[in-house]
Amino acid sequence: MRCWGVPTDGLSKSSATIPGPAAPRAARLRPSRPQPERADRRRGVATGACTMVLLGASFGVSRALHPDTLYLAQAVRYVAAGLLMLVVAARRKVRLYWPRGLEWVWLGGLAAVGLVLFNVAIVRGLAHAEPAVIAVAVACVPVVLGVVGPLVEGRAPSRRTLVAAVVVTAGGALVEGTGRTDAIGLGWAAVVLVCEACFTLLAVPVLPRHGAFGVSLHAIWMGAAAFAVLGFGTEGAGALARITAGQWAAIGYLTVLVTTVAFILWYSTVGALGPDLAGVMTGIAPVSAAVTGIPLTGQVPGLSVWLGILVVFCGQAVGLFGRRSAPDPFG
């Protein structure tokens, strides 16, 4: 059985092969990627849904972080997450590889844009916009991944996936509404959109060799190093003493669930479904943000929110459970 050439490092028992440099030309120029097996698709849907639930809940948690201690707080988060991931990888006996050649570029870009700039944009953006605005930006990611993801893989975007991505994005926007913001908040929301898309797209070239654990771990230690340099250079070591108990609690949530757990789950999802189908799953994030907001705000979402949730699920059903495409002629 073959999937999209990405081993999930112990998270899946299915094997995966990918043509190497010496593989036949026909195998290297395949026009389309084989559809995931049913078990792999179900596993990918489950891991993707869990990831987006954790991400959606993190928007409210991130509001506890203060801009004055942002860099060092994030450095602590990623150092702790890296250590946890090393422990998990050792227990699962996962083989880790040191980056080589252009892999440094892909992983460095992933850390710089998908981690550092993404987290800065969220915290800075929340100072000018309601979480709804940022969540809508994440909900627009399926459209980007539905178009760019297949192009990165060297194939044409799927019409079904594009339709599903647009439906999911519309549902996500309906869930969260427009929210109150200013021009600066809209600008940071646009940055969040780009960073969230890059978090997936920049991982595609390195996933076949490094797998979910390897990509996550390298991105984490690179992100930790960048945040440490920014933190000690601009905030000073004394910033650690200014972090409150509530902020430490938020850091703990982001460390364990959003970084250690969600990173591995998400890259396993990309490996099982591909970037375009995985992108459809991002529509769950604004839904999660709306639902988890109930205990935080004490307010029950209105009818339009529940209608948006239904639209999101319909779009995901179109993209993930539609009819299988024709068999791969080179399979």
Protein backbone atom coordinates (compact mmCIF):
# COMPACT_ATOMS: atom_id res chain seq x y z
CA MET A 1 0.00 0.00 0.00
CA ARG A 2 1.25 3.43 -0.87
CA CYS A 3 0.28 6.79 0.49
CA TRP A 4 1.65 10.24 -0.26
CA GLY A 5 5.24 9.20 0.42
CA VAL A 6 5.34 10.43 4.03
CA PRO A 7 6.00 8.06 6.94
CA THR A 8 4.13 9.07 10.04
CA ASP A 9 6.92 7.88 12.34
CA GLY A 10 4.95 5.40 14.39
CA LEU A 11 1.61 7.19 14.21
CA SER A 12 0.46 4.90 11.39
CA LYS A 13 1.18 1.27 10.71
CA SER A 14 0.80 1.70 6.95
CA SER A 15 3.98 1.70 4.93
CA ALA A 16 4.92 4.45 2.49
CA THR A 17 7.34 4.59 -0.36
CA ILE A 18 8.57 7.46 -2.43
CA PRO A 19 10.55 7.31 -5.67
CA GLY A 20 14.20 8.13 -5.10
CA PRO A 21 16.55 9.96 -7.43
CA ALA A 22 17.20 6.79 -9.40
CA ALA A 23 13.53 5.83 -9.79
CA PRO A 24 12.10 5.41 -13.30
CA ARG A 25 11.15 8.62 -15.03
CA ALA A 26 7.51 7.62 -15.25
CA ALA A 27 7.35 7.20 -11.48
CA ARG A 28 8.87 10.63 -10.91
CA LEU A 29 6.48 12.39 -13.29
CA ARG A 30 3.23 11.00 -12.03
CA PRO A 31 0.40 13.39 -12.97
CA SER A 32 -1.59 12.81 -9.83
CA ARG A 33 -1.17 11.47 -6.32
CA PRO A 34 -3.02 8.26 -5.44
CA GLN A 35 -6.03 8.72 -3.21
CA PRO A 36 -5.39 7.71 0.43
CA GLU A 37 -6.61 4.31 1.49
CA ARG A 38 -9.81 4.37 3.52
CA ALA A 39 -8.05 3.67 6.83
CA ASP A 40 -5.39 6.33 6.13
CA ARG A 41 -8.08 8.85 5.19
CA ARG A 42 -10.05 8.23 8.35
CA ARG A 43 -6.90 8.50 10.44
CA GLY A 44 -5.94 11.72 8.65
CA VAL A 45 -9.39 13.21 9.19
CA ALA A 46 -9.26 12.33 12.89
CA THR A 47 -5.79 13.81 13.46
CA GLY A 48 -6.62 16.91 11.41
CA ALA A 49 -9.83 17.52 13.32
CA CYS A 50 -8.03 17.19 16.68
CA THR A 51 -5.35 19.61 15.52
CA MET A 52 -7.83 22.29 14.50
CA VAL A 53 -9.84 21.93 17.71
CA LEU A 54 -6.66 22.61 19.69
CA LEU A 55 -5.70 25.52 17.41
CA GLY A 56 -9.14 27.12 17.59
CA ALA A 57 -9.11 27.00 21.38
CA SER A 58 -5.64 28.56 21.43
CA PHE A 59 -6.88 31.93 20.13
CA GLY A 60 -8.58 32.72 23.42
CA VAL A 61 -5.59 31.37 25.35
CA SER A 62 -3.13 33.51 23.39
CA ARG A 63 -4.88 36.66 24.56
CA ALA A 64 -3.30 36.08 27.99
CA LEU A 65 0.19 36.64 26.58
CA HIS A 66 1.50 40.20 26.95
CA PRO A 67 3.36 41.88 24.07
CA ASP A 68 6.07 43.13 26.45
CA THR A 69 7.15 39.57 27.29
CA LEU A 70 6.04 37.87 24.08
CA TYR A 71 9.41 36.75 22.69
CA LEU A 72 10.83 35.14 25.82
CA ALA A 73 7.48 33.56 26.66
CA GLN A 74 7.45 31.94 23.24
CA ALA A 75 11.09 30.90 23.63
CA VAL A 76 10.23 29.08 26.86
CA ARG A 77 7.27 27.47 25.13
CA TYR A 78 9.31 26.09 22.24
CA VAL A 79 12.25 24.95 24.36
CA ALA A 80 9.89 22.99 26.60
CA ALA A 81 7.99 21.61 23.61
CA GLY A 82 11.22 20.51 21.96
CA LEU A 83 12.29 18.61 25.04
CA LEU A 84 8.89 16.93 25.29
CA MET A 85 9.02 15.94 21.64
CA LEU A 86 12.49 14.45 22.05
CA VAL A 87 11.17 12.30 24.89
CA VAL A 88 8.21 11.13 22.81
CA ALA A 89 10.43 10.42 19.80
CA ALA A 90 12.83 8.40 21.96
CA ARG A 91 10.00 6.33 23.45
CA ARG A 92 8.63 5.63 19.97
CA LYS A 93 12.15 4.90 18.67
CA VAL A 94 11.72 7.39 15.84
CA ARG A 95 14.77 7.94 13.65
CA LEU A 96 15.63 11.63 13.36
CA TYR A 97 17.77 13.06 10.57
CA TRP A 98 19.88 16.20 10.55
CA PRO A 99 18.84 18.65 7.79
CA ARG A 100 20.97 18.81 4.67
CA GLY A 101 21.22 21.06 1.64
CA LEU A 102 18.03 22.91 0.76
CA GLU A 103 16.26 21.32 3.71
CA TRP A 104 17.81 24.05 5.85
CA VAL A 105 16.02 26.63 3.69
CA TRP A 106 12.63 24.92 3.90
CA LEU A 107 12.84 24.25 7.63
CA GLY A 108 14.31 27.67 8.40
CA GLY A 109 11.54 29.36 6.43
CA LEU A 110 8.97 27.20 8.19
CA ALA A 111 10.31 28.24 11.60
CA ALA A 112 10.65 31.92 10.70
CA VAL A 113 7.27 32.34 9.02
CA GLY A 114 5.09 29.50 10.30
CA LEU A 115 6.18 29.81 13.94
CA VAL A 116 7.86 33.11 14.81
CA LEU A 117 5.96 35.54 12.59
CA PHE A 118 2.70 33.60 13.03
CA ASN A 119 2.75 33.88 16.83
CA VAL A 120 3.81 37.51 16.75
CA ALA A 121 0.98 38.29 14.33
CA ILE A 122 -1.60 36.61 16.57
CA VAL A 123 -0.62 38.46 19.74
CA ARG A 124 -0.12 41.80 18.00
CA GLY A 125 -3.31 41.34 16.01
CA LEU A 126 -5.40 40.56 19.09
CA ALA A 127 -4.43 44.00 20.43
CA HIS A 128 -6.29 45.58 17.49
CA ALA A 129 -8.92 43.03 16.55
CA GLU A 130 -11.33 40.58 18.09
CA PRO A 131 -10.35 36.90 17.91
CA ALA A 132 -13.10 36.50 15.29
CA VAL A 133 -11.06 38.45 12.75
CA ILE A 134 -7.97 36.30 13.27
CA ALA A 135 -10.00 33.09 13.17
CA VAL A 136 -11.57 34.09 9.85
CA ALA A 137 -8.07 34.53 8.44
CA VAL A 138 -7.26 30.95 9.40
CA ALA A 139 -10.55 29.81 7.86
CA CYS A 140 -9.44 31.25 4.51
CA VAL A 141 -6.41 28.94 4.41
CA PRO A 142 -8.26 26.09 2.60
CA VAL A 143 -8.58 28.21 -0.52
CA VAL A 144 -4.83 28.92 -0.53
CA LEU A 145 -3.85 25.31 0.12
CA GLY A 146 -6.42 24.00 -2.34
CA VAL A 147 -4.70 25.93 -5.12
CA VAL A 148 -1.04 26.14 -4.10
CA GLY A 149 -0.72 22.75 -2.37
CA PRO A 150 -1.26 20.63 -5.49
CA LEU A 151 1.02 22.93 -7.50
CA VAL A 152 3.81 22.30 -4.98
CA GLU A 153 3.29 18.58 -5.57
CA GLY A 154 3.41 19.09 -9.34
CA ARG A 155 -0.24 18.41 -10.10
CA ALA A 156 -3.35 20.37 -10.99
CA PRO A 157 -5.74 21.46 -8.21
CA SER A 158 -8.80 19.24 -7.79
CA ARG A 159 -12.09 20.86 -8.68
CA ARG A 160 -13.81 19.04 -5.82
CA THR A 161 -11.21 20.23 -3.33
CA LEU A 162 -11.45 23.82 -4.57
CA VAL A 163 -15.24 23.78 -4.19
CA ALA A 164 -14.93 22.27 -0.71
CA ALA A 165 -12.29 24.84 0.28
CA VAL A 166 -14.50 27.77 -0.75
CA VAL A 167 -17.50 26.29 1.11
CA VAL A 168 -15.43 25.68 4.26
CA THR A 169 -14.03 29.21 4.14
CA ALA A 170 -17.52 30.69 3.76
CA GLY A 171 -18.74 28.63 6.70
CA GLY A 172 -15.80 29.66 8.86
CA ALA A 173 -16.43 33.32 8.11
CA LEU A 174 -20.11 32.86 8.97
CA VAL A 175 -19.17 31.22 12.29
CA GLU A 176 -16.99 34.06 13.45
CA GLY A 177 -18.53 37.03 11.68
CA THR A 178 -16.45 40.07 10.86
CA GLY A 179 -15.65 41.26 14.37
CA ARG A 180 -14.44 44.67 15.48
CA THR A 181 -11.04 45.72 14.20
CA ASP A 182 -9.04 48.54 12.68
CA ALA A 183 -6.68 48.74 9.72
CA ILE A 184 -3.76 47.43 11.77
CA GLY A 185 -5.81 44.45 12.94
CA LEU A 186 -6.77 43.62 9.36
CA GLY A 187 -3.13 43.81 8.37
CA TRP A 188 -2.09 41.37 11.09
CA ALA A 189 -4.97 39.06 10.09
CA ALA A 190 -3.58 38.97 6.55
CA VAL A 191 -0.16 38.08 7.97
CA VAL A 192 -1.73 35.24 9.97
CA LEU A 193 -3.31 33.90 6.77
CA VAL A 194 0.02 33.83 4.92
CA CYS A 195 1.87 32.29 7.87
CA GLU A 196 -0.72 29.56 8.41
CA ALA A 197 -0.54 28.57 4.74
CA CYS A 198 3.28 28.57 4.81
CA PHE A 199 3.21 26.35 7.92
CA THR A 200 1.91 23.58 5.67
CA LEU A 201 3.38 24.42 2.27
CA LEU A 202 6.98 24.85 3.45
CA ALA A 203 6.84 21.43 5.11
CA VAL A 204 5.81 19.55 1.96
CA PRO A 205 9.33 19.19 0.45
CA VAL A 206 10.89 17.88 3.69
CA LEU A 207 8.12 15.63 5.00
CA PRO A 208 9.11 12.59 2.90
CA ARG A 209 12.56 12.32 4.53
CA HIS A 210 11.94 13.71 8.02
CA GLY A 211 8.34 12.70 8.71
CA ALA A 212 6.00 14.41 11.15
CA PHE A 213 8.34 14.13 14.14
CA GLY A 214 11.42 15.34 12.31
CA VAL A 215 9.79 18.36 10.69
CA SER A 216 8.10 19.35 13.94
CA LEU A 217 11.25 19.00 16.02
CA HIS A 218 13.51 20.94 13.66
CA ALA A 219 10.96 23.73 13.27
CA ILE A 220 10.57 23.92 17.05
CA TRP A 221 14.26 24.22 17.93
CA MET A 222 14.80 26.77 15.17
CA GLY A 223 11.81 28.76 16.40
CA ALA A 224 13.05 28.57 19.99
CA ALA A 225 16.47 29.91 18.97
CA ALA A 226 14.90 32.80 17.03
CA PHE A 227 12.59 33.76 19.89
CA ALA A 228 15.46 33.57 22.41
CA VAL A 229 17.58 35.95 20.33
CA LEU A 230 14.66 38.36 19.92
CA GLY A 231 13.69 38.10 23.58
CA PHE A 232 17.09 38.67 25.17
CA GLY A 233 17.89 41.35 22.62
CA THR A 234 14.71 43.42 22.98
CA GLU A 235 13.01 42.42 26.25
CA GLY A 236 15.98 41.48 28.44
CA ALA A 237 16.32 38.54 30.81
CA GLY A 238 14.20 40.39 33.38
CA ALA A 239 11.13 39.83 31.22
CA LEU A 240 10.87 36.28 32.54
CA ALA A 241 10.16 37.66 36.03
CA ARG A 242 7.30 39.76 34.66
CA ILE A 243 5.37 36.77 33.32
CA THR A 244 2.27 36.30 35.47
CA ALA A 245 0.71 33.05 36.69
CA GLY A 246 -2.05 33.33 34.09
CA GLN A 247 0.51 33.76 31.35
CA TRP A 248 2.45 30.72 32.55
CA ALA A 249 -0.77 28.71 32.37
CA ALA A 250 -1.29 29.88 28.81
CA ILE A 251 2.31 28.98 27.96
CA GLY A 252 1.74 25.50 29.39
CA TYR A 253 -1.32 24.94 27.20
CA LEU A 254 0.46 26.20 24.10
CA THR A 255 3.52 24.07 24.89
CA VAL A 256 1.87 20.72 25.45
CA LEU A 257 -1.26 20.75 23.32
CA VAL A 258 -0.74 23.31 20.55
CA THR A 259 2.96 22.67 19.92
CA THR A 260 3.96 19.15 21.01
CA VAL A 261 0.69 17.38 20.22
CA ALA A 262 -0.83 19.48 17.45
CA PHE A 263 2.38 19.77 15.39
CA ILE A 264 2.78 16.00 15.12
CA LEU A 265 -0.92 15.46 14.45
CA TRP A 266 -1.02 18.11 11.75
CA TYR A 267 2.01 16.97 9.79
CA SER A 268 0.69 13.40 10.04
CA THR A 269 -2.54 14.71 8.52
CA VAL A 270 -0.66 16.38 5.67
CA GLY A 271 1.22 13.15 5.11
CA ALA A 272 -1.97 11.09 4.97
CA LEU A 273 -4.23 13.43 2.99
CA GLY A 274 -1.93 15.82 1.13
CA PRO A 275 -1.83 19.61 1.64
CA ASP A 276 -5.02 20.39 -0.29
CA LEU A 277 -7.31 17.93 1.50
CA ALA A 278 -5.63 18.69 4.83
CA GLY A 279 -6.33 22.37 4.20
CA VAL A 280 -10.05 21.66 4.22
CA MET A 281 -9.69 20.64 7.86
CA THR A 282 -8.65 24.16 8.88
CA GLY A 283 -12.31 25.14 8.73
CA ILE A 284 -12.72 23.47 12.12
CA ALA A 285 -10.51 26.10 13.82
CA PRO A 286 -13.06 28.95 13.81
CA VAL A 287 -15.77 26.48 14.83
CA SER A 288 -13.64 25.44 17.80
CA ALA A 289 -12.99 29.09 18.64
CA ALA A 290 -16.74 29.77 18.70
CA VAL A 291 -17.60 26.74 20.84
CA THR A 292 -14.75 27.15 23.33
CA GLY A 293 -15.68 30.80 23.64
CA ILE A 294 -18.90 29.84 25.44
CA PRO A 295 -17.28 29.11 28.84
CA LEU A 296 -14.88 32.05 28.39
CA THR A 297 -17.51 34.68 27.58
CA GLY A 298 -20.67 33.10 29.00
CA GLN A 299 -22.46 33.78 25.70
CA VAL A 300 -24.06 31.11 23.51
CA PRO A 301 -23.45 31.56 19.76
CA GLY A 302 -26.41 32.75 17.72
CA LEU A 303 -28.25 31.02 14.88
CA SER A 304 -25.83 32.28 12.21
CA VAL A 305 -22.93 30.62 14.03
CA TRP A 306 -24.62 27.23 14.08
CA LEU A 307 -25.55 27.67 10.43
CA GLY A 308 -21.89 28.37 9.69
CA ILE A 309 -20.88 25.19 11.51
CA LEU A 310 -23.27 23.22 9.29
CA VAL A 311 -21.77 24.85 6.18
CA VAL A 312 -18.24 23.96 7.34
CA PHE A 313 -19.16 20.31 7.86
CA CYS A 314 -20.87 20.17 4.45
CA GLY A 315 -17.76 21.57 2.77
CA GLN A 316 -15.53 19.08 4.55
CA ALA A 317 -17.81 16.23 3.52
CA VAL A 318 -17.52 17.33 -0.12
CA GLY A 319 -13.74 17.47 0.02
CA LEU A 320 -12.98 14.47 2.17
CA PHE A 321 -15.70 11.92 1.48
CA GLY A 322 -16.56 12.48 -2.15
CA ARG A 323 -16.18 9.96 -4.91
CA ARG A 324 -12.69 8.61 -5.45
CA SER A 325 -10.85 9.79 -8.53
CA ALA A 326 -9.80 7.47 -11.33
CA PRO A 327 -6.97 5.05 -10.54
CA ASP A 328 -3.46 6.37 -10.96
CA PRO A 329 -2.15 5.10 -14.33
CA PHE A 330 1.37 4.83 -12.89
CA GLY A 331 0.24 3.22 -9.62
